[in-house]
Each structure stands twice: as C-alpha cells, then as structure tokens.
Amino acid sequence: MTAPAPSDVNAVAISPPVRIVAQNSGPAGAQGSAGAAGPTGPQGPAGEVELVTCTKVKGKNKCRTQLTSSPQTFTTKAARASVSRAGHVYATGSLHDGRLTLHAASGLRAGHYTLTLTTGTGANKHITKKSLTVAKTITIA
C-alpha cells in the first residue's frame, strides 16, 4: 500500500510576526514602601582615648602615646580643665586629687583635641596644654 500523494506541494504557510522580549527588560516598577525599623542593637564598647604625654629630654620633646578607656591620673592636685578643638570648647571640668572629671553637652567625635589644665590664679596662674586624640566617637547617654 502506498500513501496518497499530497494534492498541492507548492503551498506556503505564513504566520504573523512574533515579537521576542528579553526577560526583565520592561520599565522599572515604583519603589516599594520602607519596612519597619529593626530593634535597637546592644550598647557598643566604651570609647577609647589616645593620651599623648610629652616631656623634654636634653632640650627635645619626647612624646609617648597610650590608648586607654580607663581613668588616667595627672601630677597636679587641682585644676580647671577643658577639651577644645579649633577654638571651640567641647567639654569642661575639673581635676582634683589626680582624677579628671569632664562634662560635655554632647559626645566627642573621633579626632584631635587639646586638653587644657589651668592651675592657680592671677600671677600664679599656670596653663598646661596636652594633645588629646579621641580614637572612637564617645557618646553621652
């Protein structure tokens, strides 16, 4: 048995044009709304201060640094103290019996400051300035 021959072997089939669109190629959608804020994280570590101490050795200044977050002692009995940078005072306080207490309206950002200790008054007034580097921002709760 043989199959019947097609009646029209010259027929052409034409389909309408097909448009191919790449995936994710459409216009961007609108920004979604922000999610709820997450819980407050744990308190960070205590701020650290780099204390710079300079002394004169054979006419030259010799300086050493110490990174600390613990209380420091000074060799004067009492003094008024301030922490400043570029002419702006960021903290004031006092030094009594080797313990420095500072009060600041806000925290101290990391950076270089000047610690000024003032003892005496009038003709007996003595001002000592020390370089103070705050390694990490100190926040006041």
C-alpha atoms as a PDB file:
ATOM      1  CA  MET A   1       0.000   0.000   0.000  1.00  0.00           C
ATOM      2  CA  THR A   2       1.185   3.415  -0.835  1.00  0.00           C
ATOM      3  CA  ALA A   3       0.187   6.724   0.741  1.00  0.00           C
ATOM      4  CA  PRO A   4      -1.803   9.120  -1.361  1.00  0.00           C
ATOM      5  CA  ALA A   5       0.263  11.972  -2.805  1.00  0.00           C
ATOM      6  CA  PRO A   6      -0.449  15.479  -1.484  1.00  0.00           C
ATOM      7  CA  SER A   7      -2.587  17.443  -3.819  1.00  0.00           C
ATOM      8  CA  ASP A   8      -0.627  20.750  -3.554  1.00  0.00           C
ATOM      9  CA  VAL A   9       3.063  20.511  -2.710  1.00  0.00           C
ATOM     10  CA  ASN A  10       3.755  24.175  -3.524  1.00  0.00           C
ATOM     11  CA  ALA A  11       1.566  25.672  -0.743  1.00  0.00           C
ATOM     12  CA  VAL A  12       3.255  28.225   1.608  1.00  0.00           C
ATOM     13  CA  ALA A  13       2.228  28.826   5.212  1.00  0.00           C
ATOM     14  CA  ILE A  14       2.849  32.334   6.657  1.00  0.00           C
ATOM     15  CA  SER A  15       2.366  33.233  10.304  1.00  0.00           C
ATOM     16  CA  PRO A  16       2.047  36.767  11.771  1.00  0.00           C
ATOM     17  CA  PRO A  17       5.361  38.315  13.014  1.00  0.00           C
ATOM     18  CA  VAL A  18       6.421  37.284  16.523  1.00  0.00           C
ATOM     19  CA  ARG A  19       7.993  39.826  18.893  1.00  0.00           C
ATOM     20  CA  ILE A  20      10.577  38.345  21.265  1.00  0.00           C
ATOM     21  CA  VAL A  21      11.063  40.292  24.531  1.00  0.00           C
ATOM     22  CA  ALA A  22      14.008  39.532  26.801  1.00  0.00           C
ATOM     23  CA  GLN A  23      13.147  38.618  30.380  1.00  0.00           C
ATOM     24  CA  ASN A  24      13.212  41.590  32.871  1.00  0.00           C
ATOM     25  CA  SER A  25      13.578  44.154  30.080  1.00  0.00           C
ATOM     26  CA  GLY A  26      10.432  46.141  30.868  1.00  0.00           C
ATOM     27  CA  PRO A  27      10.390  49.511  32.631  1.00  0.00           C
ATOM     28  CA  ALA A  28      11.277  49.561  36.328  1.00  0.00           C
ATOM     29  CA  GLY A  29       8.409  49.467  38.771  1.00  0.00           C
ATOM     30  CA  ALA A  30       7.780  52.026  41.505  1.00  0.00           C
ATOM     31  CA  GLN A  31       9.862  51.942  44.719  1.00  0.00           C
ATOM     32  CA  GLY A  32       8.183  49.969  47.467  1.00  0.00           C
ATOM     33  CA  SER A  33       7.489  51.439  50.883  1.00  0.00           C
ATOM     34  CA  ALA A  34      10.158  51.255  53.598  1.00  0.00           C
ATOM     35  CA  GLY A  35       9.971  48.410  56.069  1.00  0.00           C
ATOM     36  CA  ALA A  36       9.607  48.822  59.816  1.00  0.00           C
ATOM     37  CA  ALA A  37      12.698  49.768  61.834  1.00  0.00           C
ATOM     38  CA  GLY A  38      14.542  46.888  63.439  1.00  0.00           C
ATOM     39  CA  PRO A  39      15.185  46.555  67.163  1.00  0.00           C
ATOM     40  CA  THR A  40      17.875  48.647  68.858  1.00  0.00           C
ATOM     41  CA  GLY A  41      21.238  46.893  68.925  1.00  0.00           C
ATOM     42  CA  PRO A  42      23.336  46.239  72.021  1.00  0.00           C
ATOM     43  CA  GLN A  43      25.434  49.043  73.536  1.00  0.00           C
ATOM     44  CA  GLY A  44      28.864  49.343  71.978  1.00  0.00           C
ATOM     45  CA  PRO A  45      32.187  49.176  73.801  1.00  0.00           C
ATOM     46  CA  ALA A  46      33.426  52.101  75.881  1.00  0.00           C
ATOM     47  CA  GLY A  47      35.133  54.866  73.922  1.00  0.00           C
ATOM     48  CA  GLU A  48      38.914  54.880  73.875  1.00  0.00           C
ATOM     49  CA  VAL A  49      41.143  57.922  74.222  1.00  0.00           C
ATOM     50  CA  GLU A  50      44.716  58.106  72.992  1.00  0.00           C
ATOM     51  CA  LEU A  51      46.600  60.014  75.680  1.00  0.00           C
ATOM     52  CA  VAL A  52      49.707  61.822  74.430  1.00  0.00           C
ATOM     53  CA  THR A  53      52.315  62.738  77.082  1.00  0.00           C
ATOM     54  CA  CYS A  54      55.340  64.849  76.140  1.00  0.00           C
ATOM     55  CA  THR A  55      58.428  65.587  78.261  1.00  0.00           C
ATOM     56  CA  LYS A  56      61.628  67.488  77.499  1.00  0.00           C
ATOM     57  CA  VAL A  57      64.711  65.285  77.236  1.00  0.00           C
ATOM     58  CA  LYS A  58      68.014  67.128  76.564  1.00  0.00           C
ATOM     59  CA  GLY A  59      66.118  70.090  75.098  1.00  0.00           C
ATOM     60  CA  LYS A  60      63.928  67.999  72.770  1.00  0.00           C
ATOM     61  CA  ASN A  61      60.328  66.968  73.234  1.00  0.00           C
ATOM     62  CA  LYS A  62      59.878  63.232  73.601  1.00  0.00           C
ATOM     63  CA  CYS A  63      56.270  62.071  73.341  1.00  0.00           C
ATOM     64  CA  ARG A  64      54.589  58.775  74.042  1.00  0.00           C
ATOM     65  CA  THR A  65      51.032  57.691  73.396  1.00  0.00           C
ATOM     66  CA  GLN A  66      48.737  55.379  75.277  1.00  0.00           C
ATOM     67  CA  LEU A  67      45.361  54.123  74.047  1.00  0.00           C
ATOM     68  CA  THR A  68      43.071  53.847  77.053  1.00  0.00           C
ATOM     69  CA  SER A  69      39.452  53.698  78.137  1.00  0.00           C
ATOM     70  CA  SER A  70      40.304  53.642  81.850  1.00  0.00           C
ATOM     71  CA  PRO A  71      40.725  56.639  84.184  1.00  0.00           C
ATOM     72  CA  GLN A  72      44.064  58.483  83.961  1.00  0.00           C
ATOM     73  CA  THR A  73      45.996  60.343  86.662  1.00  0.00           C
ATOM     74  CA  PHE A  74      47.864  63.662  86.449  1.00  0.00           C
ATOM     75  CA  THR A  75      50.552  65.143  88.721  1.00  0.00           C
ATOM     76  CA  THR A  76      48.702  68.234  89.931  1.00  0.00           C
ATOM     77  CA  LYS A  77      46.366  68.435  92.935  1.00  0.00           C
ATOM     78  CA  ALA A  78      43.614  70.618  91.473  1.00  0.00           C
ATOM     79  CA  ALA A  79      42.956  72.378  88.169  1.00  0.00           C
ATOM     80  CA  ARG A  80      40.229  73.580  85.877  1.00  0.00           C
ATOM     81  CA  ALA A  81      40.070  71.581  82.651  1.00  0.00           C
ATOM     82  CA  SER A  82      38.701  71.998  79.151  1.00  0.00           C
ATOM     83  CA  VAL A  83      38.764  69.986  75.924  1.00  0.00           C
ATOM     84  CA  SER A  84      38.811  72.102  72.776  1.00  0.00           C
ATOM     85  CA  ARG A  85      39.456  71.962  69.044  1.00  0.00           C
ATOM     86  CA  ALA A  86      39.823  74.849  66.592  1.00  0.00           C
ATOM     87  CA  GLY A  87      38.821  77.403  69.240  1.00  0.00           C
ATOM     88  CA  HIS A  88      35.601  75.605  70.221  1.00  0.00           C
ATOM     89  CA  VAL A  89      35.293  74.158  73.747  1.00  0.00           C
ATOM     90  CA  TYR A  90      33.630  70.717  73.709  1.00  0.00           C
ATOM     91  CA  ALA A  91      33.909  69.788  77.394  1.00  0.00           C
ATOM     92  CA  THR A  92      34.815  71.442  80.707  1.00  0.00           C
ATOM     93  CA  GLY A  93      35.523  70.054  84.122  1.00  0.00           C
ATOM     94  CA  SER A  94      37.991  69.839  86.943  1.00  0.00           C
ATOM     95  CA  LEU A  95      40.954  67.868  88.165  1.00  0.00           C
ATOM     96  CA  HIS A  96      41.007  67.001  91.875  1.00  0.00           C
ATOM     97  CA  ASP A  97      43.413  64.594  93.552  1.00  0.00           C
ATOM     98  CA  GLY A  98      44.555  63.181  90.216  1.00  0.00           C
ATOM     99  CA  ARG A  99      41.038  62.460  88.914  1.00  0.00           C
ATOM    100  CA  LEU A 100      39.856  64.331  85.819  1.00  0.00           C
ATOM    101  CA  THR A 101      36.092  64.833  85.507  1.00  0.00           C
ATOM    102  CA  LEU A 102      34.725  66.315  82.282  1.00  0.00           C
ATOM    103  CA  HIS A 103      31.192  67.401  81.410  1.00  0.00           C
ATOM    104  CA  ALA A 104      30.063  67.688  77.791  1.00  0.00           C
ATOM    105  CA  ALA A 105      26.719  68.722  76.320  1.00  0.00           C
ATOM    106  CA  SER A 106      27.137  66.101  73.602  1.00  0.00           C
ATOM    107  CA  GLY A 107      29.614  63.365  72.696  1.00  0.00           C
ATOM    108  CA  LEU A 108      33.112  63.829  71.350  1.00  0.00           C
ATOM    109  CA  ARG A 109      33.748  62.737  67.785  1.00  0.00           C
ATOM    110  CA  ALA A 110      36.932  60.891  66.961  1.00  0.00           C
ATOM    111  CA  GLY A 111      39.773  63.312  66.266  1.00  0.00           C
ATOM    112  CA  HIS A 112      42.493  65.521  67.739  1.00  0.00           C
ATOM    113  CA  TYR A 113      41.681  67.851  70.650  1.00  0.00           C
ATOM    114  CA  THR A 114      43.605  69.963  73.174  1.00  0.00           C
ATOM    115  CA  LEU A 115      43.273  69.258  76.897  1.00  0.00           C
ATOM    116  CA  THR A 116      43.941  72.483  78.815  1.00  0.00           C
ATOM    117  CA  LEU A 117      44.631  72.350  82.569  1.00  0.00           C
ATOM    118  CA  THR A 118      44.676  75.675  84.443  1.00  0.00           C
ATOM    119  CA  THR A 119      46.025  75.922  87.993  1.00  0.00           C
ATOM    120  CA  GLY A 120      46.309  78.967  90.265  1.00  0.00           C
ATOM    121  CA  THR A 121      45.011  82.480  89.666  1.00  0.00           C
ATOM    122  CA  GLY A 122      46.484  85.881  88.849  1.00  0.00           C
ATOM    123  CA  ALA A 123      50.286  85.941  88.903  1.00  0.00           C
ATOM    124  CA  ASN A 124      50.335  82.279  89.992  1.00  0.00           C
ATOM    125  CA  LYS A 125      48.206  81.120  87.052  1.00  0.00           C
ATOM    126  CA  HIS A 126      49.770  78.226  85.145  1.00  0.00           C
ATOM    127  CA  ILE A 127      48.293  76.758  81.952  1.00  0.00           C
ATOM    128  CA  THR A 128      49.278  73.308  80.676  1.00  0.00           C
ATOM    129  CA  LYS A 129      48.105  72.107  77.280  1.00  0.00           C
ATOM    130  CA  LYS A 130      48.226  68.457  76.219  1.00  0.00           C
ATOM    131  CA  SER A 131      47.370  66.884  72.884  1.00  0.00           C
ATOM    132  CA  LEU A 132      44.395  64.547  73.183  1.00  0.00           C
ATOM    133  CA  THR A 133      43.297  62.108  70.478  1.00  0.00           C
ATOM    134  CA  VAL A 134      39.869  60.502  70.659  1.00  0.00           C
ATOM    135  CA  ALA A 135      40.192  57.221  68.738  1.00  0.00           C
ATOM    136  CA  LYS A 136      36.482  56.355  68.705  1.00  0.00           C
ATOM    137  CA  THR A 137      33.477  58.635  68.978  1.00  0.00           C
ATOM    138  CA  ILE A 138      32.355  58.978  72.604  1.00  0.00           C
ATOM    139  CA  THR A 139      28.599  59.303  73.023  1.00  0.00           C
ATOM    140  CA  ILE A 140      26.870  60.808  76.030  1.00  0.00           C
ATOM    141  CA  ALA A 141      23.799  58.866  77.083  1.00  0.00           C
END
